[in-house]
Amino acid sequence: MVNKRGVAAAIILSFITCGIYAIYWFIVMTEDAGKLSGDRDFTGGKHFLLVLVTCGIWNYIWAYQLGKHIDEAQRQHGLPVSNNSTLYVVLNIFGLGIVTYALAQADINRMAA
């Protein structure tokens, strides 16, 4: 089961906690996208560890994969597919990862119970 998360609250908490909440958000959002798409191997802990080990390079790959998993979940739920994978990567390249999180969470919230 996937829970809805308030995008504005998550952004504010990410800033107030100096990014600590953003780490939690990254992990649970990745888990949620994996659950919704039916891919149980798309786990937040694994991807967070890969981002750390690769000094952030994996973040671009994760962003693309997150978009593809959300597309698959939308397809399975009969919703219009957003095709935001490339947008997520471009936002991350320009240092706007928090916008990627917000857009992805909004898409996940549309499918959450």
PDB file of N, CA and C in Angstrom:
ATOM      1  N   MET A   1       0.837  -1.184   0.000  1.00  0.00           N
ATOM      2  CA  MET A   1       0.000   0.000   0.000  1.00  0.00           C
ATOM      3  C   MET A   1       0.879   1.244   0.000  1.00  0.00           C
ATOM      4  N   VAL A   2       0.480   2.212  -0.781  1.00  0.00           N
ATOM      5  CA  VAL A   2       1.234   3.452  -0.909  1.00  0.00           C
ATOM      6  C   VAL A   2       0.405   4.586  -0.317  1.00  0.00           C
ATOM      7  N   ASN A   3       1.030   5.388   0.516  1.00  0.00           N
ATOM      8  CA  ASN A   3       0.344   6.522   1.141  1.00  0.00           C
ATOM      9  C   ASN A   3       0.626   7.805   0.373  1.00  0.00           C
ATOM     10  N   LYS A   4      -0.348   8.699   0.401  1.00  0.00           N
ATOM     11  CA  LYS A   4      -0.142  10.022  -0.190  1.00  0.00           C
ATOM     12  C   LYS A   4       0.729  10.844   0.748  1.00  0.00           C
ATOM     13  N   ARG A   5       1.615  11.642   0.175  1.00  0.00           N
ATOM     14  CA  ARG A   5       2.456  12.546   0.956  1.00  0.00           C
ATOM     15  C   ARG A   5       2.243  13.956   0.438  1.00  0.00           C
ATOM     16  N   GLY A   6       2.137  14.894   1.345  1.00  0.00           N
ATOM     17  CA  GLY A   6       1.985  16.285   0.958  1.00  0.00           C
ATOM     18  C   GLY A   6       3.280  16.813   0.364  1.00  0.00           C
ATOM     19  N   VAL A   7       3.214  17.293  -0.858  1.00  0.00           N
ATOM     20  CA  VAL A   7       4.408  17.767  -1.551  1.00  0.00           C
ATOM     21  C   VAL A   7       4.972  19.009  -0.870  1.00  0.00           C
ATOM     22  N   ALA A   8       4.116  19.968  -0.558  1.00  0.00           N
ATOM     23  CA  ALA A   8       4.585  21.202   0.086  1.00  0.00           C
ATOM     24  C   ALA A   8       5.207  20.906   1.446  1.00  0.00           C
ATOM     25  N   ALA A   9       4.565  20.047   2.229  1.00  0.00           N
ATOM     26  CA  ALA A   9       5.097  19.701   3.554  1.00  0.00           C
ATOM     27  C   ALA A   9       6.449  19.006   3.424  1.00  0.00           C
ATOM     28  N   ALA A  10       6.580  18.124   2.437  1.00  0.00           N
ATOM     29  CA  ALA A  10       7.845  17.415   2.241  1.00  0.00           C
ATOM     30  C   ALA A  10       8.966  18.368   1.846  1.00  0.00           C
ATOM     31  N   ILE A  11       8.652  19.344   1.006  1.00  0.00           N
ATOM     32  CA  ILE A  11       9.665  20.327   0.601  1.00  0.00           C
ATOM     33  C   ILE A  11      10.088  21.165   1.803  1.00  0.00           C
ATOM     34  N   ILE A  12       9.123  21.623   2.571  1.00  0.00           N
ATOM     35  CA  ILE A  12       9.437  22.437   3.758  1.00  0.00           C
ATOM     36  C   ILE A  12      10.257  21.636   4.756  1.00  0.00           C
ATOM     37  N   LEU A  13       9.856  20.393   5.012  1.00  0.00           N
ATOM     38  CA  LEU A  13      10.616  19.550   5.940  1.00  0.00           C
ATOM     39  C   LEU A  13      12.031  19.283   5.431  1.00  0.00           C
ATOM     40  N   SER A  14      12.176  19.147   4.121  1.00  0.00           N
ATOM     41  CA  SER A  14      13.509  18.928   3.555  1.00  0.00           C
ATOM     42  C   SER A  14      14.424  20.116   3.830  1.00  0.00           C
ATOM     43  N   PHE A  15      13.893  21.326   3.711  1.00  0.00           N
ATOM     44  CA  PHE A  15      14.700  22.522   3.986  1.00  0.00           C
ATOM     45  C   PHE A  15      14.954  22.700   5.479  1.00  0.00           C
ATOM     46  N   ILE A  16      13.933  22.499   6.288  1.00  0.00           N
ATOM     47  CA  ILE A  16      14.079  22.684   7.742  1.00  0.00           C
ATOM     48  C   ILE A  16      15.102  21.715   8.323  1.00  0.00           C
ATOM     49  N   THR A  17      15.112  20.479   7.827  1.00  0.00           N
ATOM     50  CA  THR A  17      16.032  19.467   8.354  1.00  0.00           C
ATOM     51  C   THR A  17      17.361  19.422   7.605  1.00  0.00           C
ATOM     52  N   CYS A  18      17.616  20.430   6.786  1.00  0.00           N
ATOM     53  CA  CYS A  18      18.871  20.510   6.011  1.00  0.00           C
ATOM     54  C   CYS A  18      19.115  19.265   5.151  1.00  0.00           C
ATOM     55  N   GLY A  19      18.048  18.743   4.582  1.00  0.00           N
ATOM     56  CA  GLY A  19      18.168  17.638   3.643  1.00  0.00           C
ATOM     57  C   GLY A  19      17.955  16.256   4.216  1.00  0.00           C
ATOM     58  N   ILE A  20      17.861  16.138   5.526  1.00  0.00           N
ATOM     59  CA  ILE A  20      17.693  14.804   6.117  1.00  0.00           C
ATOM     60  C   ILE A  20      16.343  14.208   5.712  1.00  0.00           C
ATOM     61  N   TYR A  21      15.291  15.025   5.742  1.00  0.00           N
ATOM     62  CA  TYR A  21      13.991  14.512   5.317  1.00  0.00           C
ATOM     63  C   TYR A  21      14.014  14.169   3.828  1.00  0.00           C
ATOM     64  N   ALA A  22      14.786  14.890   3.041  1.00  0.00           N
ATOM     65  CA  ALA A  22      14.882  14.607   1.608  1.00  0.00           C
ATOM     66  C   ALA A  22      15.452  13.211   1.364  1.00  0.00           C
ATOM     67  N   ILE A  23      16.362  12.768   2.220  1.00  0.00           N
ATOM     68  CA  ILE A  23      16.904  11.407   2.103  1.00  0.00           C
ATOM     69  C   ILE A  23      15.794  10.391   2.348  1.00  0.00           C
ATOM     70  N   TYR A  24      15.029  10.603   3.414  1.00  0.00           N
ATOM     71  CA  TYR A  24      13.896   9.724   3.720  1.00  0.00           C
ATOM     72  C   TYR A  24      12.896   9.740   2.564  1.00  0.00           C
ATOM     73  N   TRP A  25      12.599  10.932   2.062  1.00  0.00           N
ATOM     74  CA  TRP A  25      11.642  11.098   0.970  1.00  0.00           C
ATOM     75  C   TRP A  25      12.120  10.347  -0.270  1.00  0.00           C
ATOM     76  N   PHE A  26      13.399  10.462  -0.598  1.00  0.00           N
ATOM     77  CA  PHE A  26      14.002   9.750  -1.727  1.00  0.00           C
ATOM     78  C   PHE A  26      13.753   8.250  -1.593  1.00  0.00           C
ATOM     79  N   ILE A  27      14.022   7.719  -0.408  1.00  0.00           N
ATOM     80  CA  ILE A  27      13.911   6.279  -0.186  1.00  0.00           C
ATOM     81  C   ILE A  27      12.463   5.807  -0.290  1.00  0.00           C
ATOM     82  N   VAL A  28      11.540   6.481   0.402  1.00  0.00           N
ATOM     83  CA  VAL A  28      10.142   6.016   0.382  1.00  0.00           C
ATOM     84  C   VAL A  28       9.478   6.267  -0.974  1.00  0.00           C
ATOM     85  N   MET A  29       9.853   7.332  -1.647  1.00  0.00           N
ATOM     86  CA  MET A  29       9.289   7.599  -2.969  1.00  0.00           C
ATOM     87  C   MET A  29       9.742   6.528  -3.965  1.00  0.00           C
ATOM     88  N   THR A  30      10.992   6.129  -3.873  1.00  0.00           N
ATOM     89  CA  THR A  30      11.508   5.070  -4.732  1.00  0.00           C
ATOM     90  C   THR A  30      10.779   3.761  -4.446  1.00  0.00           C
ATOM     91  N   GLU A  31      10.599   3.455  -3.163  1.00  0.00           N
ATOM     92  CA  GLU A  31       9.859   2.247  -2.775  1.00  0.00           C
ATOM     93  C   GLU A  31       8.443   2.288  -3.322  1.00  0.00           C
ATOM     94  N   ASP A  32       7.778   3.440  -3.189  1.00  0.00           N
ATOM     95  CA  ASP A  32       6.399   3.583  -3.663  1.00  0.00           C
ATOM     96  C   ASP A  32       6.309   3.383  -5.172  1.00  0.00           C
ATOM     97  N   ALA A  33       7.232   3.970  -5.914  1.00  0.00           N
ATOM     98  CA  ALA A  33       7.225   3.809  -7.373  1.00  0.00           C
ATOM     99  C   ALA A  33       7.436   2.344  -7.755  1.00  0.00           C
ATOM    100  N   GLY A  34       8.315   1.668  -7.031  1.00  0.00           N
ATOM    101  CA  GLY A  34       8.541   0.246  -7.282  1.00  0.00           C
ATOM    102  C   GLY A  34       7.304  -0.584  -7.007  1.00  0.00           C
ATOM    103  N   LYS A  35       6.632  -0.298  -5.898  1.00  0.00           N
ATOM    104  CA  LYS A  35       5.404  -1.036  -5.560  1.00  0.00           C
ATOM    105  C   LYS A  35       4.319  -0.805  -6.606  1.00  0.00           C
ATOM    106  N   LEU A  36       4.119   0.451  -6.987  1.00  0.00           N
ATOM    107  CA  LEU A  36       3.056   0.779  -7.933  1.00  0.00           C
ATOM    108  C   LEU A  36       3.300   0.189  -9.318  1.00  0.00           C
ATOM    109  N   SER A  37       4.570   0.093  -9.710  1.00  0.00           N
ATOM    110  CA  SER A  37       4.887  -0.450 -11.032  1.00  0.00           C
ATOM    111  C   SER A  37       4.991  -1.971 -11.022  1.00  0.00           C
ATOM    112  N   GLY A  38       5.002  -2.562  -9.830  1.00  0.00           N
ATOM    113  CA  GLY A  38       5.111  -4.013  -9.721  1.00  0.00           C
ATOM    114  C   GLY A  38       6.538  -4.519  -9.709  1.00  0.00           C
ATOM    115  N   ASP A  39       7.514  -3.615  -9.620  1.00  0.00           N
ATOM    116  CA  ASP A  39       8.932  -4.000  -9.597  1.00  0.00           C
ATOM    117  C   ASP A  39       9.435  -3.932  -8.161  1.00  0.00           C
ATOM    118  N   ARG A  40       9.456  -5.061  -7.487  1.00  0.00           N
ATOM    119  CA  ARG A  40       9.871  -5.106  -6.082  1.00  0.00           C
ATOM    120  C   ARG A  40      11.384  -4.910  -5.918  1.00  0.00           C
ATOM    121  N   ASP A  41      12.140  -4.981  -7.015  1.00  0.00           N
ATOM    122  CA  ASP A  41      13.587  -4.770  -6.947  1.00  0.00           C
ATOM    123  C   ASP A  41      13.972  -3.299  -7.017  1.00  0.00           C
ATOM    124  N   PHE A  42      13.027  -2.428  -7.297  1.00  0.00           N
ATOM    125  CA  PHE A  42      13.285  -0.987  -7.354  1.00  0.00           C
ATOM    126  C   PHE A  42      13.127  -0.446  -5.933  1.00  0.00           C
ATOM    127  N   THR A  43      14.211  -0.569  -5.161  1.00  0.00           N
ATOM    128  CA  THR A  43      14.152  -0.230  -3.739  1.00  0.00           C
ATOM    129  C   THR A  43      14.930   1.045  -3.434  1.00  0.00           C
ATOM    130  N   GLY A  44      14.432   1.786  -2.462  1.00  0.00           N
ATOM    131  CA  GLY A  44      15.030   3.058  -2.099  1.00  0.00           C
ATOM    132  C   GLY A  44      16.403   2.940  -1.475  1.00  0.00           C
ATOM    133  N   GLY A  45      16.572   1.971  -0.593  1.00  0.00           N
ATOM    134  CA  GLY A  45      17.857   1.792   0.072  1.00  0.00           C
ATOM    135  C   GLY A  45      18.973   1.489  -0.904  1.00  0.00           C
ATOM    136  N   LYS A  46      18.683   0.610  -1.851  1.00  0.00           N
ATOM    137  CA  LYS A  46      19.677   0.238  -2.866  1.00  0.00           C
ATOM    138  C   LYS A  46      20.081   1.453  -3.688  1.00  0.00           C
ATOM    139  N   HIS A  47      19.100   2.217  -4.132  1.00  0.00           N
ATOM    140  CA  HIS A  47      19.403   3.374  -4.976  1.00  0.00           C
ATOM    141  C   HIS A  47      20.100   4.480  -4.182  1.00  0.00           C
ATOM    142  N   PHE A  48      19.722   4.659  -2.937  1.00  0.00           N
ATOM    143  CA  PHE A  48      20.409   5.664  -2.125  1.00  0.00           C
ATOM    144  C   PHE A  48      21.872   5.279  -1.925  1.00  0.00           C
ATOM    145  N   LEU A  49      22.118   4.002  -1.656  1.00  0.00           N
ATOM    146  CA  LEU A  49      23.495   3.528  -1.498  1.00  0.00           C
ATOM    147  C   LEU A  49      24.290   3.723  -2.790  1.00  0.00           C
ATOM    148  N   LEU A  50      23.672   3.447  -3.931  1.00  0.00           N
ATOM    149  CA  LEU A  50      24.358   3.638  -5.214  1.00  0.00           C
ATOM    150  C   LEU A  50      24.669   5.109  -5.465  1.00  0.00           C
ATOM    151  N   VAL A  51      23.769   6.000  -5.078  1.00  0.00           N
ATOM    152  CA  VAL A  51      24.036   7.435  -5.217  1.00  0.00           C
ATOM    153  C   VAL A  51      25.248   7.815  -4.374  1.00  0.00           C
ATOM    154  N   LEU A  52      25.324   7.294  -3.150  1.00  0.00           N
ATOM    155  CA  LEU A  52      26.465   7.598  -2.278  1.00  0.00           C
ATOM    156  C   LEU A  52      27.772   7.041  -2.839  1.00  0.00           C
ATOM    157  N   VAL A  53      27.751   5.795  -3.266  1.00  0.00           N
ATOM    158  CA  VAL A  53      28.963   5.128  -3.741  1.00  0.00           C
ATOM    159  C   VAL A  53      29.503   5.782  -5.013  1.00  0.00           C
ATOM    160  N   THR A  54      28.604   6.263  -5.869  1.00  0.00           N
ATOM    161  CA  THR A  54      29.040   6.870  -7.128  1.00  0.00           C
ATOM    162  C   THR A  54      29.196   8.386  -7.021  1.00  0.00           C
ATOM    163  N   CYS A  55      29.185   8.911  -5.812  1.00  0.00           N
ATOM    164  CA  CYS A  55      29.333  10.355  -5.574  1.00  0.00           C
ATOM    165  C   CYS A  55      28.280  11.175  -6.331  1.00  0.00           C
ATOM    166  N   GLY A  56      27.069  10.654  -6.405  1.00  0.00           N
ATOM    167  CA  GLY A  56      25.958  11.379  -6.989  1.00  0.00           C
ATOM    168  C   GLY A  56      25.652  11.072  -8.440  1.00  0.00           C
ATOM    169  N   ILE A  57      26.544  10.389  -9.126  1.00  0.00           N
ATOM    170  CA  ILE A  57      26.326  10.113 -10.548  1.00  0.00           C
ATOM    171  C   ILE A  57      25.091   9.236 -10.759  1.00  0.00           C
ATOM    172  N   TRP A  58      24.884   8.281  -9.866  1.00  0.00           N
ATOM    173  CA  TRP A  58      23.741   7.372  -9.992  1.00  0.00           C
ATOM    174  C   TRP A  58      22.415   8.134  -9.894  1.00  0.00           C
ATOM    175  N   ASN A  59      22.418   9.311  -9.323  1.00  0.00           N
ATOM    176  CA  ASN A  59      21.198  10.096  -9.166  1.00  0.00           C
ATOM    177  C   ASN A  59      20.522  10.355 -10.515  1.00  0.00           C
ATOM    178  N   TYR A  60      21.308  10.530 -11.570  1.00  0.00           N
ATOM    179  CA  TYR A  60      20.746  10.765 -12.897  1.00  0.00           C
ATOM    180  C   TYR A  60      20.092   9.498 -13.442  1.00  0.00           C
ATOM    181  N   ILE A  61      20.731   8.372 -13.225  1.00  0.00           N
ATOM    182  CA  ILE A  61      20.170   7.092 -13.655  1.00  0.00           C
ATOM    183  C   ILE A  61      18.897   6.805 -12.872  1.00  0.00           C
ATOM    184  N   TRP A  62      18.941   7.055 -11.554  1.00  0.00           N
ATOM    185  CA  TRP A  62      17.768   6.861 -10.699  1.00  0.00           C
ATOM    186  C   TRP A  62      16.604   7.723 -11.193  1.00  0.00           C
ATOM    187  N   ALA A  63      16.866   8.977 -11.513  1.00  0.00           N
ATOM    188  CA  ALA A  63      15.801   9.882 -11.948  1.00  0.00           C
ATOM    189  C   ALA A  63      15.123   9.350 -13.207  1.00  0.00           C
ATOM    190  N   TYR A  64      15.911   8.864 -14.141  1.00  0.00           N
ATOM    191  CA  TYR A  64      15.348   8.305 -15.367  1.00  0.00           C
ATOM    192  C   TYR A  64      14.528   7.055 -15.063  1.00  0.00           C
ATOM    193  N   GLN A  65      15.085   6.175 -14.247  1.00  0.00           N
ATOM    194  CA  GLN A  65      14.380   4.949 -13.892  1.00  0.00           C
ATOM    195  C   GLN A  65      13.100   5.246 -13.112  1.00  0.00           C
ATOM    196  N   LEU A  66      13.137   6.233 -12.231  1.00  0.00           N
ATOM    197  CA  LEU A  66      11.951   6.625 -11.480  1.00  0.00           C
ATOM    198  C   LEU A  66      10.837   7.040 -12.439  1.00  0.00           C
ATOM    199  N   GLY A  67      11.179   7.842 -13.419  1.00  0.00           N
ATOM    200  CA  GLY A  67      10.190   8.255 -14.409  1.00  0.00           C
ATOM    201  C   GLY A  67       9.602   7.081 -15.165  1.00  0.00           C
ATOM    202  N   LYS A  68      10.443   6.134 -15.545  1.00  0.00           N
ATOM    203  CA  LYS A  68       9.957   4.952 -16.267  1.00  0.00           C
ATOM    204  C   LYS A  68       9.051   4.102 -15.379  1.00  0.00           C
ATOM    205  N   HIS A  69       9.390   3.967 -14.094  1.00  0.00           N
ATOM    206  CA  HIS A  69       8.546   3.196 -13.181  1.00  0.00           C
ATOM    207  C   HIS A  69       7.199   3.894 -12.955  1.00  0.00           C
ATOM    208  N   ILE A  70       7.212   5.201 -12.865  1.00  0.00           N
ATOM    209  CA  ILE A  70       5.957   5.937 -12.719  1.00  0.00           C
ATOM    210  C   ILE A  70       5.114   5.798 -13.989  1.00  0.00           C
ATOM    211  N   ASP A  71       5.762   5.842 -15.161  1.00  0.00           N
ATOM    212  CA  ASP A  71       5.039   5.637 -16.422  1.00  0.00           C
ATOM    213  C   ASP A  71       4.352   4.272 -16.438  1.00  0.00           C
ATOM    214  N   GLU A  72       5.077   3.243 -16.026  1.00  0.00           N
ATOM    215  CA  GLU A  72       4.522   1.888 -16.002  1.00  0.00           C
ATOM    216  C   GLU A  72       3.357   1.799 -15.016  1.00  0.00           C
ATOM    217  N   ALA A  73       3.503   2.414 -13.865  1.00  0.00           N
ATOM    218  CA  ALA A  73       2.429   2.406 -12.869  1.00  0.00           C
ATOM    219  C   ALA A  73       1.196   3.134 -13.403  1.00  0.00           C
ATOM    220  N   GLN A  74       1.405   4.255 -14.081  1.00  0.00           N
ATOM    221  CA  GLN A  74       0.274   4.987 -14.665  1.00  0.00           C
ATOM    222  C   GLN A  74      -0.425   4.142 -15.713  1.00  0.00           C
ATOM    223  N   ARG A  75       0.358   3.448 -16.521  1.00  0.00           N
ATOM    224  CA  ARG A  75      -0.199   2.567 -17.543  1.00  0.00           C
ATOM    225  C   ARG A  75      -1.051   1.479 -16.892  1.00  0.00           C
ATOM    226  N   GLN A  76      -0.549   0.883 -15.815  1.00  0.00           N
ATOM    227  CA  GLN A  76      -1.270  -0.182 -15.124  1.00  0.00           C
ATOM    228  C   GLN A  76      -2.538   0.321 -14.443  1.00  0.00           C
ATOM    229  N   HIS A  77      -2.544   1.585 -14.024  1.00  0.00           N
ATOM    230  CA  HIS A  77      -3.716   2.159 -13.360  1.00  0.00           C
ATOM    231  C   HIS A  77      -4.691   2.818 -14.344  1.00  0.00           C
ATOM    232  N   GLY A  78      -4.401   2.732 -15.623  1.00  0.00           N
ATOM    233  CA  GLY A  78      -5.279   3.288 -16.639  1.00  0.00           C
ATOM    234  C   GLY A  78      -5.260   4.807 -16.703  1.00  0.00           C
ATOM    235  N   LEU A  79      -4.178   5.413 -16.234  1.00  0.00           N
ATOM    236  CA  LEU A  79      -4.037   6.871 -16.261  1.00  0.00           C
ATOM    237  C   LEU A  79      -3.201   7.291 -17.470  1.00  0.00           C
ATOM    238  N   PRO A  80      -3.339   8.545 -17.900  1.00  0.00           N
ATOM    239  CA  PRO A  80      -2.457   9.021 -18.972  1.00  0.00           C
ATOM    240  C   PRO A  80      -0.995   8.992 -18.513  1.00  0.00           C
ATOM    241  N   VAL A  81      -0.126   8.509 -19.363  1.00  0.00           N
ATOM    242  CA  VAL A  81       1.295   8.381 -19.026  1.00  0.00           C
ATOM    243  C   VAL A  81       1.966   9.740 -19.174  1.00  0.00           C
ATOM    244  N   SER A  82       2.720  10.146 -18.152  1.00  0.00           N
ATOM    245  CA  SER A  82       3.316  11.486 -18.135  1.00  0.00           C
ATOM    246  C   SER A  82       4.629  11.591 -18.910  1.00  0.00           C
ATOM    247  N   ASN A  83       5.374  10.498 -19.059  1.00  0.00           N
ATOM    248  CA  ASN A  83       6.648  10.507 -19.797  1.00  0.00           C
ATOM    249  C   ASN A  83       7.594  11.607 -19.303  1.00  0.00           C
ATOM    250  N   ASN A  84       7.841  11.646 -18.010  1.00  0.00           N
ATOM    251  CA  ASN A  84       8.696  12.683 -17.427  1.00  0.00           C
ATOM    252  C   ASN A  84      10.134  12.232 -17.174  1.00  0.00           C
ATOM    253  N   SER A  85      10.539  11.084 -17.645  1.00  0.00           N
ATOM    254  CA  SER A  85      11.882  10.569 -17.353  1.00  0.00           C
ATOM    255  C   SER A  85      12.977  11.549 -17.746  1.00  0.00           C
ATOM    256  N   THR A  86      12.928  12.052 -18.959  1.00  0.00           N
ATOM    257  CA  THR A  86      13.955  12.982 -19.429  1.00  0.00           C
ATOM    258  C   THR A  86      13.903  14.284 -18.642  1.00  0.00           C
ATOM    259  N   LEU A  87      12.704  14.755 -18.341  1.00  0.00           N
ATOM    260  CA  LEU A  87      12.550  15.975 -17.548  1.00  0.00           C
ATOM    261  C   LEU A  87      13.201  15.812 -16.181  1.00  0.00           C
ATOM    262  N   TYR A  88      13.014  14.657 -15.547  1.00  0.00           N
ATOM    263  CA  TYR A  88      13.619  14.412 -14.232  1.00  0.00           C
ATOM    264  C   TYR A  88      15.147  14.489 -14.314  1.00  0.00           C
ATOM    265  N   VAL A  89      15.717  13.917 -15.353  1.00  0.00           N
ATOM    266  CA  VAL A  89      17.181  13.943 -15.515  1.00  0.00           C
ATOM    267  C   VAL A  89      17.664  15.375 -15.730  1.00  0.00           C
ATOM    268  N   VAL A  90      16.983  16.123 -16.591  1.00  0.00           N
ATOM    269  CA  VAL A  90      17.383  17.508 -16.867  1.00  0.00           C
ATOM    270  C   VAL A  90      17.283  18.360 -15.608  1.00  0.00           C
ATOM    271  N   LEU A  91      16.224  18.187 -14.842  1.00  0.00           N
ATOM    272  CA  LEU A  91      16.087  18.933 -13.586  1.00  0.00           C
ATOM    273  C   LEU A  91      17.238  18.610 -12.639  1.00  0.00           C
ATOM    274  N   ASN A  92      17.602  17.336 -12.556  1.00  0.00           N
ATOM    275  CA  ASN A  92      18.730  16.952 -11.692  1.00  0.00           C
ATOM    276  C   ASN A  92      20.046  17.525 -12.194  1.00  0.00           C
ATOM    277  N   ILE A  93      20.229  17.585 -13.501  1.00  0.00           N
ATOM    278  CA  ILE A  93      21.458  18.158 -14.055  1.00  0.00           C
ATOM    279  C   ILE A  93      21.592  19.622 -13.633  1.00  0.00           C
ATOM    280  N   PHE A  94      20.477  20.337 -13.612  1.00  0.00           N
ATOM    281  CA  PHE A  94      20.502  21.750 -13.234  1.00  0.00           C
ATOM    282  C   PHE A  94      20.358  21.983 -11.732  1.00  0.00           C
ATOM    283  N   GLY A  95      20.493  20.917 -10.949  1.00  0.00           N
ATOM    284  CA  GLY A  95      20.469  21.060  -9.495  1.00  0.00           C
ATOM    285  C   GLY A  95      19.085  21.261  -8.910  1.00  0.00           C
ATOM    286  N   LEU A  96      18.064  20.864  -9.642  1.00  0.00           N
ATOM    287  CA  LEU A  96      16.689  21.031  -9.180  1.00  0.00           C
ATOM    288  C   LEU A  96      16.063  19.685  -8.814  1.00  0.00           C
ATOM    289  N   GLY A  97      16.811  18.888  -8.081  1.00  0.00           N
ATOM    290  CA  GLY A  97      16.328  17.581  -7.666  1.00  0.00           C
ATOM    291  C   GLY A  97      15.064  17.651  -6.835  1.00  0.00           C
ATOM    292  N   ILE A  98      14.912  18.694  -6.051  1.00  0.00           N
ATOM    293  CA  ILE A  98      13.720  18.843  -5.214  1.00  0.00           C
ATOM    294  C   ILE A  98      12.470  18.991  -6.087  1.00  0.00           C
ATOM    295  N   VAL A  99      12.626  19.578  -7.273  1.00  0.00           N
ATOM    296  CA  VAL A  99      11.506  19.691  -8.205  1.00  0.00           C
ATOM    297  C   VAL A  99      11.174  18.313  -8.774  1.00  0.00           C
ATOM    298  N   THR A 100      12.197  17.513  -9.042  1.00  0.00           N
ATOM    299  CA  THR A 100      11.984  16.135  -9.478  1.00  0.00           C
ATOM    300  C   THR A 100      11.187  15.378  -8.432  1.00  0.00           C
ATOM    301  N   TYR A 101      11.599  15.518  -7.174  1.00  0.00           N
ATOM    302  CA  TYR A 101      10.883  14.850  -6.081  1.00  0.00           C
ATOM    303  C   TYR A 101       9.421  15.282  -6.058  1.00  0.00           C
ATOM    304  N   ALA A 102       9.180  16.586  -6.188  1.00  0.00           N
ATOM    305  CA  ALA A 102       7.814  17.116  -6.108  1.00  0.00           C
ATOM    306  C   ALA A 102       6.952  16.597  -7.259  1.00  0.00           C
ATOM    307  N   LEU A 103       7.480  16.620  -8.474  1.00  0.00           N
ATOM    308  CA  LEU A 103       6.710  16.141  -9.628  1.00  0.00           C
ATOM    309  C   LEU A 103       6.430  14.647  -9.527  1.00  0.00           C
ATOM    310  N   ALA A 104       7.443  13.885  -9.123  1.00  0.00           N
ATOM    311  CA  ALA A 104       7.266  12.438  -8.993  1.00  0.00           C
ATOM    312  C   ALA A 104       6.258  12.120  -7.885  1.00  0.00           C
ATOM    313  N   GLN A 105       6.358  12.829  -6.766  1.00  0.00           N
ATOM    314  CA  GLN A 105       5.426  12.587  -5.665  1.00  0.00           C
ATOM    315  C   GLN A 105       4.000  12.932  -6.063  1.00  0.00           C
ATOM    316  N   ALA A 106       3.828  13.988  -6.830  1.00  0.00           N
ATOM    317  CA  ALA A 106       2.486  14.353  -7.310  1.00  0.00           C
ATOM    318  C   ALA A 106       1.909  13.244  -8.182  1.00  0.00           C
ATOM    319  N   ASP A 107       2.731  12.664  -9.052  1.00  0.00           N
ATOM    320  CA  ASP A 107       2.264  11.553  -9.885  1.00  0.00           C
ATOM    321  C   ASP A 107       1.938  10.329  -9.040  1.00  0.00           C
ATOM    322  N   ILE A 108       2.779  10.049  -8.053  1.00  0.00           N
ATOM    323  CA  ILE A 108       2.541   8.898  -7.164  1.00  0.00           C
ATOM    324  C   ILE A 108       1.264   9.111  -6.355  1.00  0.00           C
ATOM    325  N   ASN A 109       1.043  10.338  -5.896  1.00  0.00           N
ATOM    326  CA  ASN A 109      -0.160  10.644  -5.106  1.00  0.00           C
ATOM    327  C   ASN A 109      -1.427  10.382  -5.912  1.00  0.00           C
ATOM    328  N   ARG A 110      -1.391  10.602  -7.224  1.00  0.00           N
ATOM    329  CA  ARG A 110      -2.571  10.355  -8.061  1.00  0.00           C
ATOM    330  C   ARG A 110      -2.953   8.882  -8.093  1.00  0.00           C
ATOM    331  N   MET A 111      -1.962   8.012  -7.849  1.00  0.00           N
ATOM    332  CA  MET A 111      -2.215   6.572  -7.900  1.00  0.00           C
ATOM    333  C   MET A 111      -2.382   5.955  -6.515  1.00  0.00           C
ATOM    334  N   ALA A 112      -2.054   6.692  -5.466  1.00  0.00           N
ATOM    335  CA  ALA A 112      -2.085   6.161  -4.103  1.00  0.00           C
ATOM    336  C   ALA A 112      -3.525   5.984  -3.633  1.00  0.00           C
ATOM    337  N   ALA A 113      -3.676   5.056  -2.717  1.00  0.00           N
ATOM    338  CA  ALA A 113      -5.020   4.788  -2.144  1.00  0.00           C
ATOM    339  C   ALA A 113      -5.476   5.870  -1.211  1.00  0.00           C
TER     340      ALA A 113
END
